Amino acid sequence: MAQKSINGVMLRKMILNGAKLLDSNKQHVDSLNVFPVPDGDTGTNMSLTLISAAKEVTSCPNNDIKTLCDAISKGALRGARGNSGVITSQILKGLSIELANCENEITVKDLSRAMVKGSEVAYKAVTKPQEGTILTVIRVMSEHSAKISKRMTNIIDFFNSVIKVGEETLKQTPEMLPMLKKAGVVDAGGRGLLIVFQGFLNSLLGKEEVNLEFDDSIMKAAEGKPTNNYEQFHVNLTELDAIEFAYCTEFFVINLKPTTKESDVDVFRERLMKIGDCVLVIGDTSMVKVHVHTNNPGQALSYALELGELDRIKIENMLEQNRALMAHGGEEELAQYGMVSVCSGEGLAAIFKDLAVDEIIEGGQTMNPSAEDIAKACDKIAARDIFVFPNNKNIILAAEQAKEISKRTIHVVPTVNIPQGIAAVLAYSPTDAANEIVDNMKEAIKSIKAGSVTFAVRNASIDGFDLKEGDIIGLNDKHIVTKGEDVETVTEELIDKLANKDTSNINIIYGYKTTEEEANAFAEKITEKYDMCDVEVLFGGQALYYYIISVE
């Protein structure tokens, strides 16, 4: 079958089919999690990211390629969840930047340039890129695409060829990352990416199949893992803003004129600063997101029309909002600082609330909030600078990406677990400058040693342990350090691994299938064993983890 170009209709179908195919096979991608714990969510995160892009594409009023590309990039950015989702959104952003230059049709050479751009943008999004991951897969595929595009014109053959090279690269990922080899799995993000590309190809071939068979032969009984159940968390907050300028004006500038340069965007930003405050202008010549408080929203829109078309216009009368606030008891001034924490479990949420955290985003393992979720939570707080505590290494990138779409100044404190998040909040000093606060928080989390206790969801050999499904396992931040059949025994062994002669505090946070009586009885045992330490029991209510432990 020879096909030498793709039009807007085909591009729309490709994105929708790629998202559909990944959603149908996300359980398999989730099962490739390195650790055999019940919260592997790479497939879920990538799927939700693609679904967000697909929703934007579905709402496009026409099949103009540039319009579709803007929707793909915008939707992926807003829906990005977890490291895998953020990287996927950046790949799609790079693809969209190049493909948006195509007027009526996309050729093999266009696709190749787009893949190269996608790889470049994705690598730049990661501070320390690691080979053996989705980054490697997209890079090798893009390099191969550049070679074959010089002699190949058939798009079907092109996709078959790059997918084949991608499969070969994916099989090599365990040799690049020892942890993959130990776990007996290939890289989950790489597998997810290849599923998306297979969805693109299937769309061009007119195939509607959604159940794929995978040759991930390195796996050691990773199948049969339950699919994660994710429900989007919606922040429900009351927005307060300064009202020196009456109208909160937000919109996107899309389909920028061909003559528009990035310097023109800079001039546009300066013009807005002369007619208002709280100015946010982010983006490039592909799309610009705008936020401004002004007394002349029409002037702001007029300036923007000189750059391109307007989309998603929202103008709110803050004077009227203020009258409503006064009617309900007065006006609240905009504060300097606010805090947002990510956690899962009513007990953990209560702990952070008691520590004066303004907003809680429900999430964590299996429920990674998107960049847009985080940005919305920050935007709703009546403060200029917001400190965000991801409390999970898989949420940090999404939190960083939220900076691009939030009207607040976001400071991401790179907490990778709940104990670090609590320590960071305790280090908060509202009288310090923002950069000093972040430095103090980062210093505070260095003293924390954290661990957790859960169960194995499949048989695996990892970190020197031969695990069977159902085994109780204790983990530190990076490795499985103990296993057994009894929760209490494993938790005690985990504490023994974390504590040393300098330990003065041990915090025990109980959750999944653990009663208050059981936790208190266990704490008494630990108090007797570590009689020189302060032992505290806290209710977390976290899912999947019997205990979260911190020592300092």
Protein backbone atom coordinates (compact mmCIF):
# COMPACT_ATOMS: atom_id res chain seq x y z
CA MET A 1 0.00 0.00 0.00
CA ALA A 2 1.59 3.25 -1.12
CA GLN A 3 0.76 6.47 0.67
CA LYS A 4 2.97 9.51 0.14
CA SER A 5 1.26 12.11 2.32
CA ILE A 6 -1.05 12.72 5.29
CA ASN A 7 -3.69 15.44 5.43
CA GLY A 8 -5.43 17.01 8.39
CA VAL A 9 -8.22 14.42 8.48
CA MET A 10 -5.67 11.61 8.69
CA LEU A 11 -3.64 13.43 11.36
CA ARG A 12 -6.74 13.82 13.51
CA LYS A 13 -7.52 10.09 13.19
CA MET A 14 -3.91 9.17 13.98
CA ILE A 15 -3.94 11.03 17.31
CA LEU A 16 -7.32 9.61 18.30
CA ASN A 17 -6.31 6.07 17.36
CA GLY A 18 -2.94 6.36 19.11
CA ALA A 19 -4.69 7.46 22.31
CA LYS A 20 -7.29 4.70 21.97
CA LEU A 21 -4.73 1.96 21.41
CA LEU A 22 -2.61 3.06 24.37
CA ASP A 23 -5.65 3.29 26.65
CA SER A 24 -6.64 -0.26 25.70
CA ASN A 25 -3.15 -1.58 26.43
CA LYS A 26 -2.11 0.55 29.39
CA GLN A 27 -2.39 -2.42 31.76
CA HIS A 28 0.46 -4.12 29.95
CA VAL A 29 2.59 -0.97 30.13
CA ASP A 30 1.78 -0.61 33.84
CA SER A 31 2.90 -4.19 34.38
CA LEU A 32 6.41 -3.31 33.18
CA ASN A 33 7.07 -1.27 36.32
CA VAL A 34 10.59 -2.01 37.60
CA PHE A 35 9.41 -2.63 41.16
CA PRO A 36 6.72 -5.33 41.51
CA VAL A 37 4.60 -3.07 43.71
CA PRO A 38 0.89 -2.33 43.21
CA ASP A 39 1.30 1.22 41.91
CA GLY A 40 3.12 1.01 38.59
CA ASP A 41 1.42 3.70 36.54
CA THR A 42 3.53 4.52 33.48
CA GLY A 43 0.86 3.30 31.08
CA THR A 44 -1.89 5.08 32.96
CA ASN A 45 0.03 8.37 32.97
CA MET A 46 0.90 8.18 29.29
CA SER A 47 -2.67 7.21 28.42
CA LEU A 48 -4.17 10.15 30.32
CA THR A 49 -1.71 12.49 28.61
CA LEU A 50 -2.70 11.18 25.15
CA ILE A 51 -6.40 11.31 26.04
CA SER A 52 -6.02 14.98 26.98
CA ALA A 53 -4.41 15.67 23.60
CA ALA A 54 -7.14 13.68 21.87
CA LYS A 55 -9.85 15.71 23.60
CA GLU A 56 -8.32 18.94 22.35
CA VAL A 57 -8.11 17.51 18.86
CA THR A 58 -11.75 16.41 19.01
CA SER A 59 -12.82 19.96 19.80
CA CYS A 60 -10.96 21.42 16.80
CA PRO A 61 -13.46 23.11 14.48
CA ASN A 62 -11.60 22.10 11.30
CA ASN A 63 -8.88 19.85 9.96
CA ASP A 64 -6.28 22.54 9.39
CA ILE A 65 -2.92 20.93 10.19
CA LYS A 66 -1.60 23.87 12.20
CA THR A 67 -4.78 24.07 14.26
CA LEU A 68 -4.62 20.36 14.98
CA CYS A 69 -0.95 20.61 15.95
CA ASP A 70 -1.71 23.45 18.34
CA ALA A 71 -4.42 21.30 19.93
CA ILE A 72 -2.13 18.28 20.24
CA SER A 73 0.61 20.29 21.93
CA LYS A 74 -1.76 22.22 24.18
CA GLY A 75 -3.77 19.16 25.22
CA ALA A 76 -0.69 17.09 25.99
CA LEU A 77 0.82 19.91 28.04
CA ARG A 78 -2.31 20.33 30.12
CA GLY A 79 -2.84 16.63 30.66
CA ALA A 80 0.76 15.54 31.32
CA ARG A 81 1.05 13.28 34.37
CA GLY A 82 4.12 11.70 35.87
CA ASN A 83 7.57 11.63 34.32
CA SER A 84 6.44 9.41 31.46
CA GLY A 85 3.47 11.67 30.71
CA VAL A 86 5.56 14.84 30.79
CA ILE A 87 8.19 13.35 28.47
CA THR A 88 5.43 12.11 26.15
CA SER A 89 3.92 15.61 26.10
CA GLN A 90 7.29 17.06 25.12
CA ILE A 91 7.68 14.53 22.29
CA LEU A 92 4.24 15.52 21.03
CA LYS A 93 5.15 19.19 21.40
CA GLY A 94 8.24 18.72 19.22
CA LEU A 95 6.27 16.76 16.63
CA SER A 96 3.63 19.49 16.58
CA ILE A 97 6.12 22.34 16.19
CA GLU A 98 7.47 20.84 12.96
CA LEU A 99 4.23 19.47 11.53
CA ALA A 100 2.50 22.83 12.07
CA ASN A 101 4.68 24.17 9.27
CA CYS A 102 2.97 21.86 6.78
CA GLU A 103 0.14 23.61 4.99
CA ASN A 104 -1.89 20.92 3.27
CA GLU A 105 0.00 17.66 3.53
CA ILE A 106 2.65 15.89 5.60
CA THR A 107 5.32 13.85 3.84
CA VAL A 108 7.92 11.36 5.05
CA LYS A 109 10.52 14.13 5.24
CA ASP A 110 8.14 16.21 7.34
CA LEU A 111 7.54 13.29 9.69
CA SER A 112 11.26 12.70 10.03
CA ARG A 113 11.97 16.32 10.92
CA ALA A 114 9.10 16.18 13.42
CA MET A 115 10.48 13.07 15.11
CA VAL A 116 13.93 14.64 15.38
CA LYS A 117 12.38 17.76 16.92
CA GLY A 118 10.30 15.64 19.28
CA SER A 119 13.42 13.88 20.52
CA GLU A 120 15.28 17.16 20.99
CA VAL A 121 12.47 18.81 22.96
CA ALA A 122 12.01 15.73 25.17
CA TYR A 123 15.71 15.52 26.03
CA LYS A 124 15.78 19.22 26.96
CA ALA A 125 12.86 18.71 29.34
CA VAL A 126 14.83 16.29 31.52
CA THR A 127 17.64 17.66 33.69
CA LYS A 128 19.64 14.44 33.64
CA PRO A 129 18.51 12.29 30.69
CA GLN A 130 19.01 8.59 31.28
CA GLU A 131 19.58 6.15 28.47
CA GLY A 132 17.58 2.95 28.40
CA THR A 133 14.32 4.86 28.71
CA ILE A 134 11.63 6.29 26.42
CA LEU A 135 14.18 8.99 25.55
CA THR A 136 16.50 6.43 24.01
CA VAL A 137 13.68 4.85 22.05
CA ILE A 138 12.49 8.12 20.51
CA ARG A 139 16.07 9.25 19.82
CA VAL A 140 17.06 6.09 17.96
CA MET A 141 13.78 6.08 16.06
CA SER A 142 14.27 9.71 15.04
CA GLU A 143 17.87 9.12 13.97
CA HIS A 144 16.73 6.18 11.86
CA SER A 145 13.91 8.25 10.38
CA ALA A 146 16.40 10.89 9.24
CA LYS A 147 18.39 8.23 7.36
CA ILE A 148 15.48 6.53 5.60
CA SER A 149 13.67 9.77 4.73
CA LYS A 150 16.37 10.48 2.14
CA ARG A 151 15.30 7.51 0.03
CA MET A 152 11.79 6.60 1.20
CA THR A 153 8.52 8.29 0.22
CA ASN A 154 5.89 5.74 1.33
CA ILE A 155 4.56 6.74 4.75
CA ILE A 156 3.35 3.21 5.52
CA ASP A 157 6.84 1.82 4.91
CA PHE A 158 8.27 4.70 6.96
CA PHE A 159 6.19 3.88 10.04
CA ASN A 160 6.86 0.15 9.70
CA SER A 161 10.58 0.85 9.57
CA VAL A 162 10.78 3.24 12.53
CA ILE A 163 8.56 0.98 14.66
CA LYS A 164 10.79 -1.98 13.85
CA VAL A 165 13.88 -0.05 14.93
CA GLY A 166 12.00 1.11 18.02
CA GLU A 167 11.20 -2.50 18.94
CA GLU A 168 14.85 -3.48 18.53
CA THR A 169 15.91 -0.56 20.72
CA LEU A 170 13.31 -1.39 23.34
CA LYS A 171 14.68 -4.93 23.65
CA GLN A 172 18.11 -3.45 24.32
CA THR A 173 16.94 -1.19 27.18
CA PRO A 174 17.63 -3.85 29.88
CA GLU A 175 21.28 -3.84 28.78
CA MET A 176 21.40 -0.04 29.23
CA LEU A 177 19.64 0.06 32.61
CA PRO A 178 20.71 -2.70 35.04
CA MET A 179 17.52 -2.21 37.08
CA LEU A 180 15.43 -3.21 34.08
CA LYS A 181 17.50 -6.33 33.60
CA LYS A 182 17.23 -7.29 37.27
CA ALA A 183 13.48 -6.80 37.20
CA GLY A 184 13.15 -8.76 33.97
CA VAL A 185 11.32 -6.01 32.09
CA VAL A 186 11.86 -3.67 29.16
CA ASP A 187 11.33 0.06 29.62
CA ALA A 188 7.65 0.82 30.19
CA GLY A 189 7.74 4.30 28.64
CA GLY A 190 9.41 2.97 25.51
CA ARG A 191 6.74 0.31 25.17
CA GLY A 192 4.02 2.94 25.59
CA LEU A 193 5.59 5.12 22.89
CA LEU A 194 5.69 2.22 20.43
CA ILE A 195 2.03 1.47 21.13
CA VAL A 196 1.19 5.06 20.22
CA PHE A 197 3.17 4.83 16.98
CA GLN A 198 1.46 1.51 16.20
CA GLY A 199 -1.83 3.33 16.70
CA PHE A 200 -0.73 5.96 14.19
CA LEU A 201 0.12 3.24 11.67
CA ASN A 202 -3.08 1.29 12.30
CA SER A 203 -5.08 4.42 11.59
CA LEU A 204 -3.40 4.84 8.21
CA LEU A 205 -4.05 1.16 7.46
CA GLY A 206 -7.70 1.43 8.47
CA LYS A 207 -7.30 -1.03 11.35
CA GLU A 208 -9.51 -0.74 14.40
CA GLU A 209 -7.93 -3.49 16.53
CA VAL A 210 -7.11 -2.45 20.08
CA ASN A 211 -5.66 -5.58 21.71
CA LEU A 212 -2.00 -6.09 20.88
CA GLU A 213 0.40 -8.93 21.53
CA PHE A 214 3.80 -8.02 22.89
CA ASP A 215 7.13 -9.73 22.51
CA ASP A 216 8.55 -8.49 25.80
CA SER A 217 10.17 -11.88 26.39
CA ILE A 218 12.52 -10.62 29.11
CA MET A 219 9.54 -10.33 31.43
CA LYS A 220 9.29 -12.79 34.32
CA ALA A 221 5.61 -13.26 34.93
CA ALA A 222 4.68 -9.60 34.95
CA GLU A 223 1.23 -10.22 33.50
CA GLY A 224 -2.01 -10.31 35.39
CA LYS A 225 -1.48 -7.05 37.22
CA PRO A 226 -4.71 -5.14 37.90
CA THR A 227 -5.27 -1.94 36.01
CA ASN A 228 -4.96 1.21 38.09
CA ASN A 229 -8.25 2.97 38.71
CA TYR A 230 -7.69 6.71 38.31
CA GLU A 231 -10.24 9.41 38.84
CA GLN A 232 -9.27 12.96 38.02
CA PHE A 233 -9.09 15.15 41.09
CA HIS A 234 -10.84 18.47 40.66
CA VAL A 235 -9.71 21.32 42.85
CA ASN A 236 -12.63 23.24 44.32
CA LEU A 237 -11.30 26.52 45.69
CA THR A 238 -12.32 30.14 46.05
CA GLU A 239 -10.20 32.47 43.93
CA LEU A 240 -9.08 35.80 45.33
CA ASP A 241 -6.99 38.32 43.44
CA ALA A 242 -5.75 41.86 43.86
CA ILE A 243 -8.13 44.36 42.25
CA GLU A 244 -6.01 47.38 41.43
CA PHE A 245 -7.00 46.49 37.87
CA ALA A 246 -10.59 45.40 37.38
CA TYR A 247 -10.55 42.67 34.76
CA CYS A 248 -8.71 39.35 34.95
CA THR A 249 -8.13 38.60 31.27
CA GLU A 250 -6.90 35.25 29.97
CA PHE A 251 -6.64 33.86 26.45
CA PHE A 252 -4.45 32.01 23.98
CA VAL A 253 -2.95 33.47 20.83
CA ILE A 254 -2.98 30.77 18.15
CA ASN A 255 -2.25 30.60 14.45
CA LEU A 256 0.33 33.32 14.82
CA LYS A 257 1.02 35.27 11.64
CA PRO A 258 3.97 34.00 9.56
CA THR A 259 5.74 37.31 10.08
CA THR A 260 5.50 37.11 13.87
CA LYS A 261 8.87 36.68 15.60
CA GLU A 262 9.68 35.83 19.20
CA SER A 263 10.84 39.42 19.61
CA ASP A 264 7.28 40.48 18.73
CA VAL A 265 6.02 38.34 21.61
CA ASP A 266 8.46 40.12 23.92
CA VAL A 267 7.18 43.52 22.73
CA PHE A 268 3.59 42.31 23.29
CA ARG A 269 4.48 41.39 26.89
CA GLU A 270 5.96 44.86 27.48
CA ARG A 271 2.84 46.53 26.07
CA LEU A 272 0.62 44.57 28.45
CA MET A 273 2.77 45.60 31.42
CA LYS A 274 1.97 49.22 30.60
CA ILE A 275 -1.79 48.66 30.84
CA GLY A 276 -1.97 46.23 33.77
CA ASP A 277 -0.22 43.91 36.20
CA CYS A 278 0.12 40.20 36.97
CA VAL A 279 1.26 39.80 33.36
CA LEU A 280 2.06 36.32 32.16
CA VAL A 281 2.99 35.73 28.53
CA ILE A 282 4.49 32.30 27.80
CA GLY A 283 4.99 30.32 24.63
CA ASP A 284 6.62 30.86 21.29
CA THR A 285 5.61 31.48 17.70
CA SER A 286 3.45 28.35 17.75
CA MET A 287 1.15 29.38 20.62
CA VAL A 288 1.11 32.01 23.37
CA LYS A 289 -0.74 31.81 26.69
CA VAL A 290 -1.68 35.20 28.14
CA HIS A 291 -2.84 36.38 31.54
CA VAL A 292 -3.16 40.02 32.58
CA HIS A 293 -5.09 42.15 35.08
CA THR A 294 -6.13 45.33 33.31
CA ASN A 295 -8.78 48.02 33.20
CA ASN A 296 -8.84 47.75 29.41
CA PRO A 297 -9.22 44.11 28.32
CA GLY A 298 -10.20 45.26 24.85
CA GLN A 299 -6.81 46.89 24.43
CA ALA A 300 -5.07 43.68 25.50
CA LEU A 301 -7.05 41.69 22.95
CA SER A 302 -6.32 44.29 20.28
CA TYR A 303 -2.58 43.99 20.91
CA ALA A 304 -2.84 40.20 20.69
CA LEU A 305 -4.67 40.33 17.37
CA GLU A 306 -1.58 41.91 15.88
CA LEU A 307 0.20 38.58 16.56
CA GLY A 308 -2.47 36.09 15.53
CA GLU A 309 -5.90 34.67 16.32
CA LEU A 310 -7.55 34.58 19.75
CA ASP A 311 -8.80 31.45 21.48
CA ARG A 312 -10.33 30.51 24.85
CA ILE A 313 -10.98 34.10 25.91
CA LYS A 314 -11.98 34.52 29.57
CA ILE A 315 -12.59 37.93 31.17
CA GLU A 316 -13.65 38.13 34.82
CA ASN A 317 -14.86 41.27 36.58
CA MET A 318 -12.86 41.29 39.79
CA LEU A 319 -14.75 44.30 41.12
CA GLU A 320 -17.93 42.25 41.08
CA GLN A 321 -16.10 39.32 42.67
CA ASN A 322 -14.90 41.67 45.38
CA ARG A 323 -18.44 42.94 46.03
CA ALA A 324 -19.51 39.33 46.49
CA LEU A 325 -16.65 38.76 48.91
CA MET A 326 -17.54 41.87 50.88
CA ALA A 327 -21.13 40.69 51.07
CA HIS A 328 -19.87 37.48 52.66
CA GLY A 329 -17.74 39.13 55.28
CA GLY A 330 -15.04 41.26 53.72
CA GLU A 331 -12.08 41.26 51.43
CA GLU A 332 -9.01 39.07 51.75
CA GLU A 333 -5.74 40.62 50.64
CA LEU A 334 -3.32 38.82 48.36
CA ALA A 335 -0.68 37.17 50.52
CA GLN A 336 2.99 36.75 49.67
CA TYR A 337 3.23 32.96 50.06
CA GLY A 338 1.07 29.89 49.71
CA MET A 339 1.67 26.14 49.79
CA VAL A 340 0.33 23.18 47.78
CA SER A 341 0.97 19.56 48.68
CA VAL A 342 0.23 16.36 46.80
CA CYS A 343 -0.83 13.36 48.86
CA SER A 344 -3.33 10.53 48.99
CA GLY A 345 -5.26 9.62 52.12
CA GLU A 346 -7.49 11.64 54.43
CA GLY A 347 -5.02 11.37 57.29
CA LEU A 348 -2.12 12.67 55.23
CA ALA A 349 -4.28 15.51 53.94
CA ALA A 350 -5.18 16.42 57.53
CA ILE A 351 -1.50 16.41 58.54
CA PHE A 352 -0.58 18.86 55.80
CA LYS A 353 -3.62 21.01 56.54
CA ASP A 354 -2.61 21.15 60.22
CA LEU A 355 0.80 22.37 59.05
CA ALA A 356 -0.88 25.32 57.29
CA VAL A 357 -0.65 24.00 53.73
CA ASP A 358 -3.26 25.93 51.76
CA GLU A 359 -4.35 23.34 49.22
CA ILE A 360 -4.14 19.58 48.90
CA ILE A 361 -4.12 17.85 45.53
CA GLU A 362 -5.20 14.27 45.97
CA GLY A 363 -2.65 12.11 44.22
CA GLY A 364 0.57 10.17 44.42
CA GLN A 365 1.32 6.70 43.20
CA THR A 366 -1.35 5.53 40.71
CA MET A 367 -2.92 9.01 40.79
CA ASN A 368 -0.37 11.43 39.40
CA PRO A 369 -1.96 14.89 39.00
CA SER A 370 -1.44 16.64 35.70
CA ALA A 371 0.47 19.85 35.15
CA GLU A 372 -2.89 21.58 34.73
CA ASP A 373 -4.21 20.16 38.03
CA ILE A 374 -1.18 21.57 39.82
CA ALA A 375 -1.37 24.92 38.02
CA LYS A 376 -5.07 25.27 38.85
CA ALA A 377 -4.45 24.57 42.54
CA CYS A 378 -1.72 27.23 42.60
CA ASP A 379 -3.79 29.77 40.68
CA LYS A 380 -6.68 29.50 43.12
CA ILE A 381 -4.55 30.43 46.14
CA ALA A 382 -4.57 34.12 47.02
CA ALA A 383 -0.80 34.43 47.10
CA ARG A 384 1.94 35.59 44.75
CA ASP A 385 4.51 32.83 45.37
CA ILE A 386 3.43 29.21 45.73
CA PHE A 387 5.59 26.40 47.12
CA VAL A 388 4.64 23.01 45.68
CA PHE A 389 5.52 19.71 47.36
CA PRO A 390 5.12 16.83 44.85
CA ASN A 391 6.02 14.17 47.46
CA ASN A 392 6.68 11.72 44.67
CA LYS A 393 9.54 11.62 42.17
CA ASN A 394 7.06 10.87 39.40
CA ILE A 395 5.23 14.17 39.95
CA ILE A 396 8.19 16.57 40.03
CA LEU A 397 8.35 17.05 36.24
CA ALA A 398 4.63 17.77 36.03
CA ALA A 399 5.02 20.32 38.83
CA GLU A 400 7.86 21.98 36.94
CA GLN A 401 5.74 22.02 33.79
CA ALA A 402 2.91 23.69 35.71
CA LYS A 403 5.08 26.82 35.84
CA GLU A 404 4.42 27.32 32.13
CA ILE A 405 0.63 27.45 32.50
CA SER A 406 0.15 29.05 35.91
CA LYS A 407 -0.28 32.75 36.60
CA ARG A 408 1.46 32.36 39.97
CA THR A 409 5.17 32.14 40.63
CA ILE A 410 5.66 28.46 41.43
CA HIS A 411 8.59 27.13 43.45
CA VAL A 412 8.86 23.33 43.23
CA VAL A 413 10.47 21.76 46.30
CA PRO A 414 11.65 18.36 44.99
CA THR A 415 10.22 16.15 47.73
CA VAL A 416 10.04 12.50 46.66
CA ASN A 417 8.01 11.08 49.54
CA ILE A 418 5.57 12.12 52.25
CA PRO A 419 8.13 12.37 55.10
CA GLN A 420 10.24 14.74 53.01
CA GLY A 421 7.14 16.81 52.30
CA ILE A 422 6.35 17.10 56.00
CA ALA A 423 9.96 18.04 56.81
CA ALA A 424 9.96 20.69 54.08
CA VAL A 425 6.73 22.26 55.33
CA LEU A 426 8.08 22.33 58.89
CA ALA A 427 11.08 24.30 57.60
CA TYR A 428 8.83 27.02 56.17
CA SER A 429 9.60 30.51 57.48
CA PRO A 430 7.25 33.18 56.04
CA THR A 431 9.59 36.03 56.95
CA ASP A 432 12.35 34.81 54.59
CA ALA A 433 12.76 35.49 50.88
CA ALA A 434 11.36 32.84 48.53
CA ASN A 435 14.77 31.53 47.44
CA GLU A 436 15.88 31.27 51.08
CA ILE A 437 12.74 29.34 51.95
CA VAL A 438 13.38 26.85 49.14
CA ASP A 439 17.02 26.44 50.19
CA ASN A 440 16.00 25.80 53.82
CA MET A 441 13.39 23.27 52.73
CA LYS A 442 15.89 21.43 50.53
CA GLU A 443 18.31 21.33 53.43
CA ALA A 444 15.62 19.97 55.76
CA ILE A 445 14.74 17.03 53.54
CA LYS A 446 18.37 15.87 53.49
CA SER A 447 18.07 14.67 57.08
CA ILE A 448 15.07 12.44 56.34
CA LYS A 449 15.35 8.71 55.72
CA ALA A 450 12.08 7.28 54.49
CA GLY A 451 10.66 3.87 53.70
CA SER A 452 7.37 2.14 53.02
CA VAL A 453 5.80 -1.29 53.36
CA THR A 454 3.57 -2.82 50.70
CA PHE A 455 3.12 -6.13 48.87
CA ALA A 456 4.47 -7.71 45.69
CA VAL A 457 2.00 -7.98 42.82
CA ARG A 458 4.01 -10.48 40.78
CA ASN A 459 6.92 -12.89 40.97
CA ALA A 460 10.26 -11.20 40.39
CA SER A 461 13.96 -11.31 41.17
CA ILE A 462 15.17 -7.85 42.16
CA ASP A 463 17.60 -6.25 44.59
CA GLY A 464 18.80 -9.70 45.62
CA PHE A 465 15.33 -10.95 46.58
CA ASP A 466 13.32 -13.71 44.91
CA LEU A 467 9.82 -12.38 45.37
CA LYS A 468 6.53 -14.18 45.09
CA GLU A 469 3.19 -12.55 44.50
CA GLY A 470 1.76 -11.51 47.86
CA ASP A 471 5.08 -11.19 49.68
CA ILE A 472 5.29 -8.25 52.08
CA ILE A 473 8.14 -5.96 51.05
CA GLY A 474 9.91 -3.00 52.63
CA LEU A 475 11.39 -0.28 50.43
CA ASN A 476 13.61 2.71 50.93
CA ASP A 477 13.56 5.48 48.31
CA LYS A 478 15.33 3.38 45.70
CA HIS A 479 15.41 -0.32 46.57
CA ILE A 480 13.62 -3.22 48.17
CA VAL A 481 15.54 -3.84 51.39
CA THR A 482 13.50 -6.51 53.16
CA LYS A 483 10.73 -9.03 52.55
CA GLY A 484 8.62 -11.52 54.49
CA GLU A 485 5.16 -12.85 55.11
CA ASP A 486 4.24 -10.63 58.08
CA VAL A 487 3.65 -6.87 57.88
CA GLU A 488 4.90 -6.12 61.39
CA THR A 489 8.11 -8.14 61.00
CA VAL A 490 8.93 -6.55 57.66
CA THR A 491 8.22 -3.06 59.02
CA GLU A 492 10.49 -3.63 62.02
CA GLU A 493 13.26 -4.88 59.74
CA LEU A 494 12.79 -1.81 57.54
CA ILE A 495 13.18 0.50 60.54
CA ASP A 496 16.33 -1.40 61.51
CA LYS A 497 17.70 -0.71 58.03
CA LEU A 498 16.87 3.00 58.21
CA ALA A 499 17.85 3.80 61.80
CA ASN A 500 21.36 4.22 63.22
CA LYS A 501 23.03 5.43 66.42
CA ASP A 502 22.28 9.05 65.53
CA THR A 503 18.53 8.52 65.04
CA SER A 504 16.39 10.54 67.45
CA ASN A 505 12.92 10.43 65.89
CA ILE A 506 10.89 7.63 64.30
CA ASN A 507 7.53 8.44 62.71
CA ILE A 508 5.12 5.64 61.83
CA ILE A 509 2.30 6.56 59.44
CA TYR A 510 -0.29 3.80 59.09
CA GLY A 511 -2.77 3.25 56.30
CA TYR A 512 -3.75 0.35 54.04
CA LYS A 513 -5.48 -2.49 56.00
CA THR A 514 -3.89 -1.34 59.27
CA THR A 515 -6.00 -0.46 62.32
CA GLU A 516 -5.18 2.14 64.94
CA GLU A 517 -4.84 -0.61 67.55
CA GLU A 518 -2.35 -2.52 65.41
CA ALA A 519 -0.31 0.59 64.75
CA ASN A 520 -0.21 1.60 68.43
CA ALA A 521 0.80 -1.89 69.51
CA PHE A 522 3.57 -1.94 66.93
CA ALA A 523 4.75 1.51 68.02
CA GLU A 524 5.03 0.31 71.64
CA LYS A 525 7.29 -2.49 70.46
CA ILE A 526 9.49 -0.05 68.51
CA THR A 527 9.58 2.33 71.51
CA GLU A 528 10.94 -0.44 73.70
CA LYS A 529 13.54 -1.38 71.11
CA TYR A 530 14.62 2.21 70.40
CA ASP A 531 14.19 3.61 73.92
CA MET A 532 16.37 6.66 73.16
CA CYS A 533 14.13 7.78 70.30
CA ASP A 534 10.85 9.62 70.16
CA VAL A 535 8.34 7.37 68.37
CA GLU A 536 5.19 8.94 66.96
CA VAL A 537 2.19 7.23 65.35
CA LEU A 538 0.16 9.11 62.75
CA PHE A 539 -2.90 8.14 60.74
CA GLY A 540 -2.27 8.53 57.02
CA GLY A 541 -5.05 6.56 55.41
CA GLN A 542 -2.82 5.93 52.39
CA ALA A 543 -3.81 3.26 49.87
CA LEU A 544 -1.66 0.21 49.09
CA TYR A 545 1.00 0.94 51.73
CA TYR A 546 0.59 -0.54 55.21
CA TYR A 547 3.13 1.83 56.71
CA ILE A 548 5.17 4.86 55.70
CA ILE A 549 8.23 5.24 57.91
CA SER A 550 10.55 8.17 58.47
CA VAL A 551 13.59 8.41 60.73
CA GLU A 552 15.77 11.41 61.47
